[in-house]
Amino acid sequence: MALKVELKPGERIIIGNCVVTNHEQRTKLTIDGQAPVLREKDILTPRLANTPAKRIYLAVQLMYTSKEPRDYHDAYFALVRDLTGAAPSAWPLVETINNHILTGEMYKALKDAKNLIDYEQGLLDHAKCGTGLRRRREADGKPARARSQSAA
């Protein structure tokens, strides 16, 4: 089945190992074949891969667009070891990505790597929230609940 893609003016897309840039008006493309296709919004550059999960996404992206995905396996699995060592709760998501990679379903692995980025962001947000609560406790020596009861 052919893939139908509509590009906005100036939008880029990777088809195979080529970058196609749309010019001044919306364009509709029909892509028929087995080449990897990646829209600009789904492309992560090395400069933007600034967290462990984003680096994993980048490795999967490189596997997806490469003729030789195995060339990136060592780097990918090293990144996975680092992430799961720091956040063992991410293992179920990583395991799903691994299974897709090992069965050659690279686009599915890429989609699940996006879920890993979202999960990582949730962990970071939770950690920031916890840090804020600890700072308030250290400031007055009382837990947040005790402060609100004493203010009443």
Protein backbone atom coordinates (compact mmCIF):
# COMPACT_ATOMS: atom_id res chain seq x y z
CA MET A 1 0.00 0.00 0.00
CA ALA A 2 1.34 3.44 -0.94
CA LEU A 3 2.03 6.08 1.70
CA LYS A 4 0.36 9.46 1.13
CA VAL A 5 2.13 12.47 2.60
CA GLU A 6 1.20 16.13 2.50
CA LEU A 7 4.03 18.61 3.02
CA LYS A 8 3.72 22.21 4.18
CA PRO A 9 5.74 24.93 2.45
CA GLY A 10 9.39 24.54 3.45
CA GLU A 11 8.83 21.19 5.18
CA ARG A 12 11.43 18.46 4.76
CA ILE A 13 11.11 14.70 4.64
CA ILE A 14 13.64 11.89 4.49
CA ILE A 15 12.91 9.25 1.87
CA GLY A 16 15.50 6.51 1.86
CA ASN A 17 18.82 8.29 2.25
CA CYS A 18 17.62 11.51 0.56
CA VAL A 19 16.26 14.68 2.10
CA VAL A 20 13.40 16.18 0.09
CA THR A 21 12.49 19.82 0.76
CA ASN A 22 9.16 21.23 -0.28
CA HIS A 23 9.15 24.75 -1.68
CA GLU A 24 6.49 27.44 -1.71
CA GLN A 25 3.15 25.61 -1.61
CA ARG A 26 1.57 22.55 -0.04
CA THR A 27 2.48 19.38 -1.88
CA LYS A 28 0.98 15.92 -1.82
CA LEU A 29 3.26 12.93 -2.40
CA THR A 30 2.43 9.29 -2.90
CA ILE A 31 5.35 7.08 -1.94
CA ASP A 32 5.24 3.51 -3.16
CA GLY A 33 8.03 1.16 -2.13
CA GLN A 34 10.06 0.00 0.83
CA ALA A 35 12.31 3.02 1.53
CA PRO A 36 12.28 4.46 5.07
CA VAL A 37 10.25 7.66 5.28
CA LEU A 38 10.64 10.16 8.11
CA ARG A 39 8.85 13.49 8.39
CA GLU A 40 10.73 16.54 9.64
CA LYS A 41 8.76 16.62 12.92
CA ASP A 42 10.03 13.10 13.70
CA ILE A 43 13.68 13.78 12.87
CA LEU A 44 15.99 14.27 15.83
CA THR A 45 19.40 15.82 15.22
CA PRO A 46 22.48 14.95 17.29
CA ARG A 47 22.48 18.51 18.68
CA LEU A 48 18.96 18.03 20.09
CA ALA A 49 19.62 14.54 21.49
CA ASN A 50 20.43 15.94 24.93
CA THR A 51 18.95 13.25 27.22
CA PRO A 52 19.53 9.49 27.45
CA ALA A 53 16.12 8.65 25.91
CA LYS A 54 16.64 11.13 23.08
CA ARG A 55 20.03 9.58 22.34
CA ILE A 56 18.32 6.18 22.18
CA TYR A 57 15.73 7.65 19.78
CA LEU A 58 18.56 9.01 17.62
CA ALA A 59 20.24 5.60 17.53
CA VAL A 60 16.96 3.96 16.49
CA GLN A 61 16.43 6.70 13.88
CA LEU A 62 19.87 5.96 12.44
CA MET A 63 19.04 2.25 12.35
CA TYR A 64 15.73 2.98 10.63
CA THR A 65 17.28 5.12 7.89
CA SER A 66 20.41 2.97 7.43
CA LYS A 67 20.95 0.19 4.93
CA GLU A 68 22.89 -1.59 7.69
CA PRO A 69 20.97 -1.11 10.97
CA ARG A 70 23.31 -3.52 12.79
CA ASP A 71 26.06 -0.92 12.48
CA TYR A 72 24.27 1.00 15.25
CA HIS A 73 23.40 -1.91 17.55
CA ASP A 74 26.46 -1.60 19.81
CA ALA A 75 25.88 2.12 20.40
CA TYR A 76 22.16 1.55 20.95
CA PHE A 77 22.60 -1.26 23.48
CA ALA A 78 25.26 0.75 25.38
CA LEU A 79 22.81 3.66 25.64
CA VAL A 80 20.08 1.27 26.81
CA ARG A 81 22.36 -0.15 29.54
CA ASP A 82 23.09 3.38 30.77
CA LEU A 83 19.43 4.41 30.81
CA THR A 84 18.10 1.27 32.50
CA GLY A 85 20.92 1.45 35.04
CA ALA A 86 19.80 4.96 36.00
CA ALA A 87 16.04 4.35 35.59
CA PRO A 88 15.21 0.63 35.93
CA SER A 89 11.49 1.45 35.69
CA ALA A 90 12.02 2.24 31.99
CA TRP A 91 12.84 -1.40 31.25
CA PRO A 92 9.37 -2.43 29.93
CA LEU A 93 9.50 0.38 27.34
CA VAL A 94 13.06 -0.49 26.36
CA GLU A 95 12.16 -4.17 26.07
CA THR A 96 9.41 -3.31 23.58
CA ILE A 97 11.85 -1.24 21.51
CA ASN A 98 14.41 -4.07 21.65
CA ASN A 99 11.87 -6.60 20.40
CA HIS A 100 10.96 -4.38 17.45
CA ILE A 101 14.63 -3.89 16.58
CA LEU A 102 15.44 -7.57 16.80
CA THR A 103 12.47 -8.44 14.54
CA GLY A 104 13.38 -5.72 12.01
CA GLU A 105 10.35 -3.53 12.75
CA MET A 106 12.36 -0.33 12.85
CA TYR A 107 9.50 2.13 12.38
CA LYS A 108 7.62 0.57 15.32
CA ALA A 109 10.82 0.79 17.37
CA LEU A 110 11.08 4.47 16.49
CA LYS A 111 7.48 5.12 17.57
CA ASP A 112 8.08 3.34 20.87
CA ALA A 113 11.31 5.29 21.38
CA LYS A 114 9.12 8.43 21.33
CA ASN A 115 7.14 6.89 24.20
CA LEU A 116 10.43 6.40 26.05
CA ILE A 117 11.21 10.11 25.64
CA ASP A 118 7.79 10.97 27.10
CA TYR A 119 8.35 8.57 30.00
CA GLU A 120 11.77 10.08 30.69
CA GLN A 121 10.25 13.57 30.70
CA GLY A 122 7.69 12.38 33.25
CA LEU A 123 10.49 11.08 35.48
CA LEU A 124 12.37 14.38 35.16
CA ASP A 125 9.23 16.39 35.94
CA HIS A 126 8.54 14.21 38.98
CA ALA A 127 12.12 14.63 40.19
CA LYS A 128 11.88 18.42 39.83
CA CYS A 129 8.62 18.45 41.78
CA GLY A 130 10.18 16.35 44.55
CA THR A 131 13.17 18.69 44.70
CA GLY A 132 10.84 21.64 45.22
CA LEU A 133 9.11 19.92 48.12
CA ARG A 134 12.44 19.04 49.74
CA ARG A 135 13.67 22.63 49.46
CA ARG A 136 10.55 23.96 51.19
CA ARG A 137 10.92 21.35 53.95
CA GLU A 138 14.57 22.30 54.46
CA ALA A 139 13.66 26.00 54.62
CA ASP A 140 11.33 25.72 57.62
CA GLY A 141 12.01 22.21 58.87
CA LYS A 142 8.40 21.12 58.38
CA PRO A 143 6.81 18.90 55.75
CA ALA A 144 4.47 20.70 53.35
CA ARG A 145 1.39 19.18 55.08
CA ALA A 146 2.47 20.48 58.51
CA ARG A 147 3.01 23.98 57.06
CA SER A 148 -0.50 24.10 55.59
CA GLN A 149 -2.07 22.92 58.88
CA SER A 150 -0.15 25.47 60.96
CA ALA A 151 -1.23 28.26 58.57
CA ALA A 152 -4.92 27.39 59.14
